[in-house]
Amino acid sequence: MARIYVENDMARFTRKDITHVDMELFGGKTFENLEPRRLFPMSGKDKYITLLDEEGVEQAVIRDLKTLPKDARQMIESCLQEYYLIPKVEKILNIEEKFGVVALNVETDRGPARIEL
């Protein structure tokens, strides 16, 4: 199967949940429950966004988010923001060690969390 590159207004996106979208191509072909992910998460935040199905198989690639219509671009950016969310640790409440596992109870900017190392 040839790789599908999504640009401009060749596809219509519908928000499925906080990290998934449905996509309908101009020709009528539809894809459901796609999860946008960055192919280059550190260096290319707006370029080469892969759209993965429920099995993790790539169905399409957005070469550059800036080519999409504003509403579609914002929808994909919002999904990516949720997927790549990294809470900031603000305070370590306590540290425990048991059987070689270090557990930290922390306060983050998103609420309390437990981290095990």
N, C-alpha and C. Protein backbone atom coordinates (compact mmCIF):
# COMPACT_ATOMS: atom_id res chain seq x y z
N MET A 1 0.84 -1.18 0.00
CA MET A 1 0.00 0.00 0.00
C MET A 1 0.88 1.25 0.00
N ALA A 2 0.56 2.19 -0.84
CA ALA A 2 1.32 3.43 -0.93
C ALA A 2 1.00 4.31 0.28
N ARG A 3 2.01 5.01 0.74
CA ARG A 3 1.84 5.91 1.89
C ARG A 3 0.97 7.09 1.48
N ILE A 4 0.02 7.44 2.33
CA ILE A 4 -0.86 8.58 2.10
C ILE A 4 -0.28 9.79 2.83
N TYR A 5 -0.03 10.86 2.07
CA TYR A 5 0.43 12.11 2.68
C TYR A 5 -0.74 13.09 2.69
N VAL A 6 -1.05 13.62 3.87
CA VAL A 6 -2.18 14.52 4.04
C VAL A 6 -1.66 15.95 4.03
N GLU A 7 -2.22 16.76 3.14
CA GLU A 7 -1.85 18.17 3.04
C GLU A 7 -3.08 19.01 2.73
N ASN A 8 -2.99 20.27 3.05
CA ASN A 8 -4.03 21.24 2.74
C ASN A 8 -5.40 20.75 3.20
N ASP A 9 -6.39 20.79 2.31
CA ASP A 9 -7.76 20.40 2.71
C ASP A 9 -8.18 19.06 2.11
N MET A 10 -7.20 18.15 1.88
CA MET A 10 -7.53 16.86 1.27
C MET A 10 -8.21 15.89 2.22
N ALA A 11 -8.27 16.25 3.52
CA ALA A 11 -8.90 15.38 4.51
C ALA A 11 -9.70 16.22 5.50
N ARG A 12 -10.77 15.61 6.00
CA ARG A 12 -11.56 16.25 7.06
C ARG A 12 -11.37 15.41 8.32
N PHE A 13 -11.05 16.09 9.42
CA PHE A 13 -10.81 15.41 10.69
C PHE A 13 -11.97 15.67 11.63
N THR A 14 -12.31 14.64 12.42
CA THR A 14 -13.32 14.74 13.46
C THR A 14 -12.69 14.22 14.74
N ARG A 15 -12.87 14.97 15.83
CA ARG A 15 -12.29 14.57 17.11
C ARG A 15 -13.04 13.39 17.68
N LYS A 16 -12.33 12.33 18.05
CA LYS A 16 -12.93 11.11 18.61
C LYS A 16 -12.89 11.15 20.14
N ASP A 17 -11.72 11.43 20.69
CA ASP A 17 -11.54 11.62 22.13
C ASP A 17 -10.30 12.49 22.31
N ILE A 18 -9.70 12.48 23.49
CA ILE A 18 -8.62 13.45 23.72
C ILE A 18 -7.35 13.19 22.92
N THR A 19 -7.14 11.96 22.44
CA THR A 19 -5.93 11.69 21.65
C THR A 19 -6.21 11.01 20.31
N HIS A 20 -7.47 10.89 19.91
CA HIS A 20 -7.80 10.19 18.67
C HIS A 20 -8.71 11.04 17.77
N VAL A 21 -8.55 10.82 16.46
CA VAL A 21 -9.38 11.49 15.46
C VAL A 21 -9.86 10.48 14.43
N ASP A 22 -10.93 10.83 13.74
CA ASP A 22 -11.36 10.11 12.55
C ASP A 22 -10.96 10.99 11.37
N MET A 23 -10.64 10.36 10.23
CA MET A 23 -10.21 11.11 9.05
C MET A 23 -10.99 10.63 7.83
N GLU A 24 -11.53 11.57 7.08
CA GLU A 24 -12.18 11.26 5.82
C GLU A 24 -11.43 11.97 4.71
N LEU A 25 -10.92 11.20 3.76
CA LEU A 25 -10.20 11.78 2.63
C LEU A 25 -11.17 12.37 1.62
N PHE A 26 -10.68 13.26 0.79
CA PHE A 26 -11.49 13.93 -0.22
C PHE A 26 -12.23 12.93 -1.10
N GLY A 27 -11.63 11.79 -1.41
CA GLY A 27 -12.25 10.78 -2.26
C GLY A 27 -13.31 9.94 -1.56
N GLY A 28 -13.50 10.11 -0.24
CA GLY A 28 -14.53 9.40 0.49
C GLY A 28 -14.02 8.29 1.40
N LYS A 29 -12.76 7.89 1.28
CA LYS A 29 -12.21 6.84 2.14
C LYS A 29 -12.09 7.38 3.56
N THR A 30 -12.53 6.55 4.53
CA THR A 30 -12.49 6.98 5.93
C THR A 30 -11.59 6.07 6.76
N PHE A 31 -11.02 6.67 7.79
CA PHE A 31 -10.19 5.96 8.77
C PHE A 31 -10.68 6.40 10.14
N GLU A 32 -10.90 5.43 11.04
CA GLU A 32 -11.41 5.74 12.37
C GLU A 32 -10.37 5.47 13.44
N ASN A 33 -10.51 6.20 14.54
CA ASN A 33 -9.66 6.02 15.73
C ASN A 33 -8.17 6.11 15.42
N LEU A 34 -7.77 7.16 14.73
CA LEU A 34 -6.35 7.37 14.44
C LEU A 34 -5.71 8.18 15.54
N GLU A 35 -4.50 7.81 15.90
CA GLU A 35 -3.77 8.52 16.95
C GLU A 35 -2.58 9.25 16.31
N PRO A 36 -2.59 10.59 16.34
CA PRO A 36 -1.46 11.35 15.81
C PRO A 36 -0.23 11.21 16.72
N ARG A 37 0.93 11.00 16.09
CA ARG A 37 2.20 10.93 16.82
C ARG A 37 3.27 11.59 15.98
N ARG A 38 4.20 12.22 16.65
CA ARG A 38 5.32 12.85 15.95
C ARG A 38 6.37 11.82 15.58
N LEU A 39 6.79 11.82 14.31
CA LEU A 39 7.88 10.94 13.90
C LEU A 39 9.22 11.46 14.44
N PHE A 40 9.32 12.77 14.62
CA PHE A 40 10.52 13.39 15.17
C PHE A 40 10.11 14.30 16.33
N PRO A 41 9.83 13.70 17.50
CA PRO A 41 9.23 14.48 18.60
C PRO A 41 10.11 15.59 19.16
N MET A 42 11.42 15.50 19.02
CA MET A 42 12.28 16.54 19.58
C MET A 42 12.57 17.64 18.56
N SER A 43 12.80 17.28 17.31
CA SER A 43 13.25 18.26 16.33
C SER A 43 12.17 18.71 15.35
N GLY A 44 11.10 17.95 15.20
CA GLY A 44 10.09 18.28 14.21
C GLY A 44 8.70 18.29 14.77
N LYS A 45 8.40 19.22 15.65
CA LYS A 45 7.11 19.21 16.34
C LYS A 45 5.92 19.45 15.42
N ASP A 46 6.12 20.16 14.32
CA ASP A 46 5.01 20.47 13.41
C ASP A 46 5.09 19.72 12.09
N LYS A 47 6.10 18.89 11.91
CA LYS A 47 6.29 18.20 10.63
C LYS A 47 6.31 16.69 10.84
N TYR A 48 5.85 15.98 9.84
CA TYR A 48 5.83 14.52 9.81
C TYR A 48 5.13 13.92 11.03
N ILE A 49 3.81 14.11 11.02
CA ILE A 49 2.92 13.56 12.04
C ILE A 49 2.30 12.29 11.47
N THR A 50 2.58 11.15 12.08
CA THR A 50 2.01 9.90 11.61
C THR A 50 0.64 9.70 12.26
N LEU A 51 -0.25 9.07 11.53
CA LEU A 51 -1.60 8.77 12.02
C LEU A 51 -1.71 7.26 12.11
N LEU A 52 -1.72 6.75 13.34
CA LEU A 52 -1.70 5.31 13.59
C LEU A 52 -3.10 4.78 13.91
N ASP A 53 -3.41 3.59 13.39
CA ASP A 53 -4.70 2.97 13.71
C ASP A 53 -4.60 2.25 15.06
N GLU A 54 -5.66 1.54 15.44
CA GLU A 54 -5.71 0.89 16.75
C GLU A 54 -4.66 -0.20 16.93
N GLU A 55 -4.15 -0.76 15.82
CA GLU A 55 -3.10 -1.78 15.90
C GLU A 55 -1.71 -1.16 15.83
N GLY A 56 -1.62 0.15 15.74
CA GLY A 56 -0.33 0.83 15.65
C GLY A 56 0.23 0.88 14.24
N VAL A 57 -0.61 0.61 13.24
CA VAL A 57 -0.18 0.63 11.85
C VAL A 57 -0.41 2.03 11.28
N GLU A 58 0.61 2.56 10.62
CA GLU A 58 0.50 3.89 10.03
C GLU A 58 -0.50 3.87 8.87
N GLN A 59 -1.46 4.80 8.90
CA GLN A 59 -2.44 4.92 7.83
C GLN A 59 -2.19 6.13 6.95
N ALA A 60 -1.53 7.15 7.51
CA ALA A 60 -1.24 8.36 6.75
C ALA A 60 -0.19 9.18 7.50
N VAL A 61 0.37 10.16 6.79
CA VAL A 61 1.35 11.07 7.38
C VAL A 61 0.98 12.50 7.01
N ILE A 62 1.00 13.38 8.00
CA ILE A 62 0.83 14.81 7.75
C ILE A 62 2.25 15.36 7.63
N ARG A 63 2.63 15.84 6.46
CA ARG A 63 3.99 16.34 6.26
C ARG A 63 4.27 17.60 7.07
N ASP A 64 3.31 18.49 7.10
CA ASP A 64 3.49 19.76 7.80
C ASP A 64 2.13 20.24 8.30
N LEU A 65 2.01 20.38 9.63
CA LEU A 65 0.73 20.82 10.21
C LEU A 65 0.30 22.18 9.67
N LYS A 66 1.26 23.02 9.30
CA LYS A 66 0.94 24.38 8.85
C LYS A 66 0.16 24.39 7.54
N THR A 67 0.16 23.28 6.79
CA THR A 67 -0.59 23.24 5.53
C THR A 67 -2.07 22.93 5.75
N LEU A 68 -2.42 22.42 6.94
CA LEU A 68 -3.82 22.06 7.20
C LEU A 68 -4.66 23.29 7.50
N PRO A 69 -5.97 23.22 7.23
CA PRO A 69 -6.86 24.31 7.66
C PRO A 69 -6.76 24.51 9.18
N LYS A 70 -7.03 25.71 9.62
CA LYS A 70 -6.84 26.08 11.03
C LYS A 70 -7.53 25.13 12.00
N ASP A 71 -8.79 24.77 11.76
CA ASP A 71 -9.52 23.90 12.69
C ASP A 71 -8.91 22.51 12.75
N ALA A 72 -8.49 21.97 11.62
CA ALA A 72 -7.86 20.65 11.60
C ALA A 72 -6.50 20.69 12.30
N ARG A 73 -5.74 21.74 12.02
CA ARG A 73 -4.42 21.90 12.66
C ARG A 73 -4.56 21.97 14.17
N GLN A 74 -5.51 22.75 14.66
CA GLN A 74 -5.72 22.88 16.10
C GLN A 74 -6.15 21.56 16.73
N MET A 75 -6.97 20.79 16.02
CA MET A 75 -7.43 19.50 16.52
C MET A 75 -6.25 18.53 16.67
N ILE A 76 -5.41 18.44 15.66
CA ILE A 76 -4.25 17.56 15.70
C ILE A 76 -3.26 18.03 16.77
N GLU A 77 -3.01 19.33 16.85
CA GLU A 77 -2.11 19.87 17.87
C GLU A 77 -2.61 19.56 19.28
N SER A 78 -3.92 19.63 19.48
CA SER A 78 -4.50 19.33 20.79
C SER A 78 -4.29 17.86 21.16
N CYS A 79 -4.48 16.96 20.20
CA CYS A 79 -4.24 15.53 20.44
C CYS A 79 -2.77 15.30 20.80
N LEU A 80 -1.87 15.92 20.07
CA LEU A 80 -0.44 15.77 20.33
C LEU A 80 -0.06 16.32 21.70
N GLN A 81 -0.65 17.45 22.06
CA GLN A 81 -0.37 18.05 23.36
C GLN A 81 -0.77 17.10 24.49
N GLU A 82 -1.90 16.45 24.37
CA GLU A 82 -2.34 15.49 25.39
C GLU A 82 -1.43 14.26 25.42
N TYR A 83 -1.09 13.75 24.24
CA TYR A 83 -0.26 12.53 24.18
C TYR A 83 1.13 12.76 24.77
N TYR A 84 1.72 13.91 24.47
CA TYR A 84 3.09 14.19 24.90
C TYR A 84 3.15 14.99 26.21
N LEU A 85 2.07 15.02 26.95
CA LEU A 85 2.02 15.74 28.21
C LEU A 85 2.99 15.14 29.23
N ILE A 86 3.83 15.98 29.77
CA ILE A 86 4.78 15.55 30.80
C ILE A 86 4.57 16.44 32.02
N PRO A 87 3.99 15.88 33.09
CA PRO A 87 3.78 16.69 34.30
C PRO A 87 5.11 17.13 34.92
N LYS A 88 5.10 18.30 35.49
CA LYS A 88 6.28 18.86 36.14
C LYS A 88 6.21 18.55 37.64
N VAL A 89 7.24 17.90 38.17
CA VAL A 89 7.30 17.60 39.60
C VAL A 89 7.61 18.90 40.34
N GLU A 90 6.73 19.27 41.27
CA GLU A 90 6.90 20.49 42.04
C GLU A 90 7.43 20.24 43.45
N LYS A 91 7.11 19.04 43.99
CA LYS A 91 7.53 18.75 45.36
C LYS A 91 7.58 17.24 45.57
N ILE A 92 8.64 16.76 46.20
CA ILE A 92 8.74 15.36 46.59
C ILE A 92 8.18 15.23 48.00
N LEU A 93 7.13 14.43 48.16
CA LEU A 93 6.49 14.29 49.46
C LEU A 93 7.20 13.25 50.33
N ASN A 94 7.58 12.10 49.73
CA ASN A 94 8.38 11.11 50.46
C ASN A 94 8.99 10.13 49.47
N ILE A 95 10.02 9.42 49.96
CA ILE A 95 10.71 8.42 49.16
C ILE A 95 10.76 7.13 49.96
N GLU A 96 10.42 6.02 49.31
CA GLU A 96 10.46 4.71 49.95
C GLU A 96 11.26 3.76 49.07
N GLU A 97 11.91 2.76 49.70
CA GLU A 97 12.62 1.73 48.95
C GLU A 97 12.20 0.39 49.49
N LYS A 98 11.79 -0.49 48.57
CA LYS A 98 11.36 -1.83 48.97
C LYS A 98 11.72 -2.80 47.85
N PHE A 99 12.46 -3.83 48.19
CA PHE A 99 12.88 -4.85 47.24
C PHE A 99 13.58 -4.25 46.01
N GLY A 100 14.39 -3.24 46.22
CA GLY A 100 15.15 -2.62 45.13
C GLY A 100 14.36 -1.63 44.29
N VAL A 101 13.11 -1.39 44.64
CA VAL A 101 12.29 -0.43 43.91
C VAL A 101 12.17 0.84 44.74
N VAL A 102 12.57 1.95 44.15
CA VAL A 102 12.45 3.24 44.82
C VAL A 102 11.14 3.89 44.37
N ALA A 103 10.31 4.25 45.32
CA ALA A 103 9.02 4.87 45.02
C ALA A 103 9.00 6.29 45.58
N LEU A 104 8.60 7.22 44.75
CA LEU A 104 8.50 8.62 45.16
C LEU A 104 7.04 9.04 45.10
N ASN A 105 6.54 9.61 46.16
CA ASN A 105 5.23 10.25 46.14
C ASN A 105 5.50 11.73 45.94
N VAL A 106 4.94 12.26 44.86
CA VAL A 106 5.25 13.63 44.47
C VAL A 106 3.99 14.44 44.23
N GLU A 107 4.17 15.74 44.24
CA GLU A 107 3.12 16.68 43.86
C GLU A 107 3.55 17.26 42.52
N THR A 108 2.68 17.19 41.50
CA THR A 108 2.99 17.73 40.18
C THR A 108 2.05 18.89 39.87
N ASP A 109 2.33 19.56 38.76
CA ASP A 109 1.44 20.63 38.33
C ASP A 109 0.08 20.09 37.86
N ARG A 110 -0.05 18.75 37.76
CA ARG A 110 -1.30 18.11 37.38
C ARG A 110 -1.92 17.33 38.54
N GLY A 111 -1.35 17.47 39.76
CA GLY A 111 -1.87 16.77 40.91
C GLY A 111 -0.87 15.76 41.47
N PRO A 112 -1.27 15.01 42.50
CA PRO A 112 -0.36 14.04 43.12
C PRO A 112 -0.09 12.86 42.19
N ALA A 113 1.12 12.28 42.35
CA ALA A 113 1.51 11.11 41.53
C ALA A 113 2.49 10.26 42.30
N ARG A 114 2.61 9.01 41.88
CA ARG A 114 3.58 8.08 42.44
C ARG A 114 4.48 7.62 41.30
N ILE A 115 5.78 7.72 41.52
CA ILE A 115 6.77 7.33 40.50
C ILE A 115 7.60 6.20 41.07
N GLU A 116 7.72 5.10 40.34
CA GLU A 116 8.53 3.98 40.79
C GLU A 116 9.73 3.82 39.86
N LEU A 117 10.91 3.68 40.47
CA LEU A 117 12.15 3.51 39.70
C LEU A 117 12.77 2.17 40.02
